[in-house]
């Protein structure tokens, strides 16, 4: 079993309410944990190696998206970026 360590040094949230920042970060963390725990993901990341950045597609949100949903959508986009590196 491989261990994956992810460090996010800075999370820039332009255009969101100050009060929502922790909920967005929580959604991001929870979904990244799920995605990175999937079978084979540690090996996939191992083939990519250390990266300072991962290119991700834009996130499209509806007006009804919750702050937690914003974090989840961001994590999903990161996961897709990791699968296409």
N, C-alpha and C. Protein backbone atom coordinates (compact mmCIF):
# COMPACT_ATOMS: atom_id res chain seq x y z
N UNK A 1 0.84 -1.17 0.00
CA UNK A 1 0.00 0.00 0.00
C UNK A 1 0.89 1.24 0.00
N UNK A 2 0.58 2.17 -0.87
CA UNK A 2 1.35 3.41 -0.96
C UNK A 2 0.64 4.51 -0.20
N UNK A 3 1.42 5.45 0.23
CA UNK A 3 0.87 6.58 0.96
C UNK A 3 1.02 7.83 0.10
N UNK A 4 -0.04 8.59 0.02
CA UNK A 4 -0.05 9.83 -0.76
C UNK A 4 -0.18 10.99 0.21
N UNK A 5 0.71 11.94 0.09
CA UNK A 5 0.64 13.14 0.92
C UNK A 5 0.42 14.33 -0.01
N UNK A 6 -0.62 15.08 0.25
CA UNK A 6 -0.94 16.26 -0.54
C UNK A 6 -0.81 17.47 0.35
N UNK A 7 -0.03 18.43 -0.11
CA UNK A 7 0.10 19.71 0.60
C UNK A 7 -0.48 20.80 -0.28
N UNK A 8 -1.45 21.49 0.24
CA UNK A 8 -1.99 22.66 -0.44
C UNK A 8 -1.53 23.86 0.37
N UNK A 9 -0.53 24.55 -0.16
CA UNK A 9 0.05 25.67 0.57
C UNK A 9 -0.87 26.88 0.61
N UNK A 10 -1.62 27.06 -0.48
CA UNK A 10 -2.46 28.24 -0.54
C UNK A 10 -3.69 27.91 -1.37
N UNK A 11 -4.83 28.32 -0.89
CA UNK A 11 -6.08 28.15 -1.60
C UNK A 11 -6.67 29.54 -1.82
N UNK A 12 -6.69 29.97 -3.06
CA UNK A 12 -7.17 31.30 -3.39
C UNK A 12 -8.63 31.19 -3.81
N UNK A 13 -9.49 31.90 -3.11
CA UNK A 13 -10.93 31.85 -3.36
C UNK A 13 -11.42 33.24 -3.73
N UNK A 14 -11.26 33.60 -4.97
CA UNK A 14 -11.73 34.90 -5.44
C UNK A 14 -13.23 34.86 -5.67
N UNK A 15 -13.91 35.89 -5.25
CA UNK A 15 -15.34 36.01 -5.53
C UNK A 15 -16.26 35.21 -4.63
N UNK A 16 -15.75 34.68 -3.53
CA UNK A 16 -16.61 33.95 -2.60
C UNK A 16 -16.71 34.72 -1.29
N UNK A 17 -17.79 34.48 -0.59
CA UNK A 17 -17.97 35.16 0.69
C UNK A 17 -16.94 34.67 1.70
N UNK A 18 -16.44 35.59 2.49
CA UNK A 18 -15.44 35.28 3.52
C UNK A 18 -15.94 34.18 4.43
N UNK A 19 -17.23 34.21 4.75
CA UNK A 19 -17.81 33.23 5.68
C UNK A 19 -17.82 31.81 5.11
N UNK A 20 -17.72 31.68 3.80
CA UNK A 20 -17.82 30.36 3.15
C UNK A 20 -16.48 29.65 2.99
N UNK A 21 -15.39 30.31 3.29
CA UNK A 21 -14.07 29.76 2.97
C UNK A 21 -13.79 28.42 3.64
N UNK A 22 -14.19 28.27 4.89
CA UNK A 22 -13.90 27.01 5.59
C UNK A 22 -14.75 25.86 5.05
N UNK A 23 -15.99 26.14 4.69
CA UNK A 23 -16.86 25.09 4.15
C UNK A 23 -16.37 24.66 2.77
N UNK A 24 -15.91 25.60 1.95
CA UNK A 24 -15.36 25.26 0.64
C UNK A 24 -14.11 24.39 0.82
N UNK A 25 -13.23 24.79 1.71
CA UNK A 25 -12.01 24.01 1.97
C UNK A 25 -12.35 22.61 2.49
N UNK A 26 -13.38 22.50 3.32
CA UNK A 26 -13.79 21.20 3.84
C UNK A 26 -14.30 20.31 2.71
N UNK A 27 -15.12 20.86 1.82
CA UNK A 27 -15.61 20.08 0.68
C UNK A 27 -14.47 19.61 -0.20
N UNK A 28 -13.49 20.48 -0.41
CA UNK A 28 -12.31 20.14 -1.21
C UNK A 28 -11.54 19.00 -0.56
N UNK A 29 -11.29 19.13 0.73
CA UNK A 29 -10.53 18.11 1.46
C UNK A 29 -11.25 16.76 1.47
N UNK A 30 -12.53 16.76 1.76
CA UNK A 30 -13.28 15.50 1.83
C UNK A 30 -13.30 14.79 0.48
N UNK A 31 -13.54 15.53 -0.60
CA UNK A 31 -13.62 14.89 -1.91
C UNK A 31 -12.25 14.44 -2.40
N UNK A 32 -11.20 15.24 -2.13
CA UNK A 32 -9.86 14.79 -2.51
C UNK A 32 -9.48 13.52 -1.77
N UNK A 33 -9.86 13.45 -0.51
CA UNK A 33 -9.59 12.23 0.27
C UNK A 33 -10.26 11.03 -0.38
N UNK A 34 -11.53 11.19 -0.79
CA UNK A 34 -12.24 10.09 -1.47
C UNK A 34 -11.55 9.71 -2.77
N UNK A 35 -11.25 10.72 -3.58
CA UNK A 35 -10.66 10.45 -4.89
C UNK A 35 -9.28 9.81 -4.78
N UNK A 36 -8.47 10.30 -3.86
CA UNK A 36 -7.11 9.78 -3.73
C UNK A 36 -7.07 8.43 -3.04
N UNK A 37 -8.19 8.02 -2.45
CA UNK A 37 -8.28 6.71 -1.80
C UNK A 37 -8.75 5.63 -2.76
N UNK A 38 -9.12 6.00 -3.97
CA UNK A 38 -9.61 5.01 -4.93
C UNK A 38 -8.49 4.05 -5.31
N UNK A 39 -8.85 2.79 -5.55
CA UNK A 39 -7.84 1.80 -5.94
C UNK A 39 -7.06 2.26 -7.17
N UNK A 40 -5.75 2.14 -7.10
CA UNK A 40 -4.89 2.49 -8.22
C UNK A 40 -4.47 3.95 -8.28
N UNK A 41 -5.10 4.81 -7.51
CA UNK A 41 -4.76 6.23 -7.60
C UNK A 41 -3.35 6.50 -7.08
N UNK A 42 -2.93 5.85 -6.01
CA UNK A 42 -1.57 6.07 -5.49
C UNK A 42 -0.53 5.69 -6.53
N UNK A 43 -0.76 4.59 -7.22
CA UNK A 43 0.17 4.17 -8.27
C UNK A 43 0.16 5.17 -9.43
N UNK A 44 -1.02 5.67 -9.76
CA UNK A 44 -1.14 6.66 -10.84
C UNK A 44 -0.36 7.92 -10.49
N UNK A 45 -0.51 8.38 -9.27
CA UNK A 45 0.21 9.57 -8.84
C UNK A 45 1.71 9.29 -8.81
N UNK A 46 2.08 8.07 -8.45
CA UNK A 46 3.49 7.70 -8.44
C UNK A 46 4.13 7.78 -9.81
N UNK A 47 3.36 7.50 -10.85
CA UNK A 47 3.91 7.59 -12.20
C UNK A 47 4.04 9.05 -12.65
N UNK A 48 3.23 9.92 -12.08
CA UNK A 48 3.29 11.34 -12.42
C UNK A 48 4.51 11.98 -11.76
N UNK A 49 4.80 11.60 -10.52
CA UNK A 49 5.91 12.18 -9.78
C UNK A 49 5.51 13.48 -9.10
N UNK A 50 6.50 14.16 -8.55
CA UNK A 50 6.25 15.42 -7.86
C UNK A 50 5.88 16.50 -8.87
N UNK A 51 4.84 17.21 -8.57
CA UNK A 51 4.40 18.31 -9.41
C UNK A 51 4.07 19.50 -8.54
N UNK A 52 4.46 20.67 -9.00
CA UNK A 52 4.10 21.86 -8.26
C UNK A 52 2.72 22.36 -8.65
N UNK A 53 2.23 21.94 -9.83
CA UNK A 53 0.91 22.34 -10.30
C UNK A 53 0.27 21.21 -11.09
N UNK A 54 -1.04 21.21 -11.05
CA UNK A 54 -1.83 20.28 -11.86
C UNK A 54 -2.81 21.13 -12.66
N UNK A 55 -2.80 20.97 -13.97
CA UNK A 55 -3.75 21.71 -14.80
C UNK A 55 -5.13 21.09 -14.65
N UNK A 56 -6.10 21.95 -14.42
CA UNK A 56 -7.47 21.48 -14.27
C UNK A 56 -8.40 22.27 -15.18
N UNK A 57 -9.49 21.64 -15.52
CA UNK A 57 -10.50 22.30 -16.35
C UNK A 57 -11.28 23.29 -15.51
N UNK A 58 -11.87 24.28 -16.13
CA UNK A 58 -12.72 25.22 -15.39
C UNK A 58 -13.89 24.49 -14.72
N UNK A 59 -14.33 25.03 -13.62
CA UNK A 59 -15.44 24.46 -12.88
C UNK A 59 -16.69 25.27 -13.22
N UNK A 60 -17.73 24.59 -13.63
CA UNK A 60 -18.99 25.25 -13.95
C UNK A 60 -19.98 24.98 -12.83
N UNK A 61 -20.46 26.03 -12.20
CA UNK A 61 -21.36 25.91 -11.06
C UNK A 61 -22.70 26.55 -11.38
N UNK A 62 -23.73 26.01 -10.76
CA UNK A 62 -25.05 26.64 -10.90
C UNK A 62 -25.22 27.63 -9.76
N UNK A 63 -26.17 28.54 -9.89
CA UNK A 63 -26.42 29.49 -8.79
C UNK A 63 -26.82 28.81 -7.49
N UNK A 64 -27.30 27.58 -7.57
CA UNK A 64 -27.74 26.85 -6.37
C UNK A 64 -26.63 26.02 -5.73
N UNK A 65 -25.42 26.06 -6.28
CA UNK A 65 -24.33 25.28 -5.72
C UNK A 65 -23.97 25.80 -4.33
N UNK A 66 -23.90 24.90 -3.38
CA UNK A 66 -23.55 25.27 -2.01
C UNK A 66 -22.03 25.49 -1.91
N UNK A 67 -21.57 26.17 -0.87
CA UNK A 67 -20.12 26.31 -0.69
C UNK A 67 -19.42 24.95 -0.61
N UNK A 68 -20.02 23.99 0.06
CA UNK A 68 -19.44 22.65 0.13
C UNK A 68 -19.36 22.06 -1.28
N UNK A 69 -20.38 22.29 -2.08
CA UNK A 69 -20.39 21.80 -3.46
C UNK A 69 -19.31 22.45 -4.31
N UNK A 70 -18.96 23.69 -4.01
CA UNK A 70 -17.86 24.36 -4.73
C UNK A 70 -16.56 23.61 -4.47
N UNK A 71 -16.30 23.28 -3.21
CA UNK A 71 -15.10 22.53 -2.85
C UNK A 71 -15.08 21.16 -3.48
N UNK A 72 -16.23 20.49 -3.49
CA UNK A 72 -16.33 19.17 -4.10
C UNK A 72 -16.06 19.24 -5.59
N UNK A 73 -16.63 20.24 -6.26
CA UNK A 73 -16.42 20.40 -7.70
C UNK A 73 -14.95 20.68 -8.01
N UNK A 74 -14.32 21.50 -7.18
CA UNK A 74 -12.89 21.80 -7.37
C UNK A 74 -12.06 20.52 -7.23
N UNK A 75 -12.37 19.71 -6.23
CA UNK A 75 -11.65 18.45 -6.04
C UNK A 75 -11.86 17.51 -7.21
N UNK A 76 -13.06 17.43 -7.73
CA UNK A 76 -13.33 16.58 -8.88
C UNK A 76 -12.52 17.03 -10.09
N UNK A 77 -12.39 18.32 -10.26
CA UNK A 77 -11.61 18.84 -11.37
C UNK A 77 -10.13 18.49 -11.19
N UNK A 78 -9.63 18.58 -9.97
CA UNK A 78 -8.26 18.19 -9.69
C UNK A 78 -8.07 16.70 -9.98
N UNK A 79 -9.03 15.89 -9.55
CA UNK A 79 -8.95 14.45 -9.81
C UNK A 79 -8.90 14.13 -11.29
N UNK A 80 -9.70 14.83 -12.06
CA UNK A 80 -9.67 14.63 -13.52
C UNK A 80 -8.32 15.07 -14.09
N UNK A 81 -7.78 16.15 -13.55
CA UNK A 81 -6.47 16.61 -14.01
C UNK A 81 -5.39 15.59 -13.71
N UNK A 82 -5.46 14.94 -12.58
CA UNK A 82 -4.49 13.90 -12.23
C UNK A 82 -4.60 12.69 -13.15
N UNK A 83 -5.81 12.38 -13.57
CA UNK A 83 -6.02 11.23 -14.44
C UNK A 83 -5.58 11.49 -15.88
N UNK A 84 -5.39 12.76 -16.23
CA UNK A 84 -5.01 13.08 -17.60
C UNK A 84 -3.57 13.53 -17.74
N UNK A 85 -2.81 13.51 -16.67
CA UNK A 85 -1.40 13.92 -16.73
C UNK A 85 -0.59 12.86 -17.41
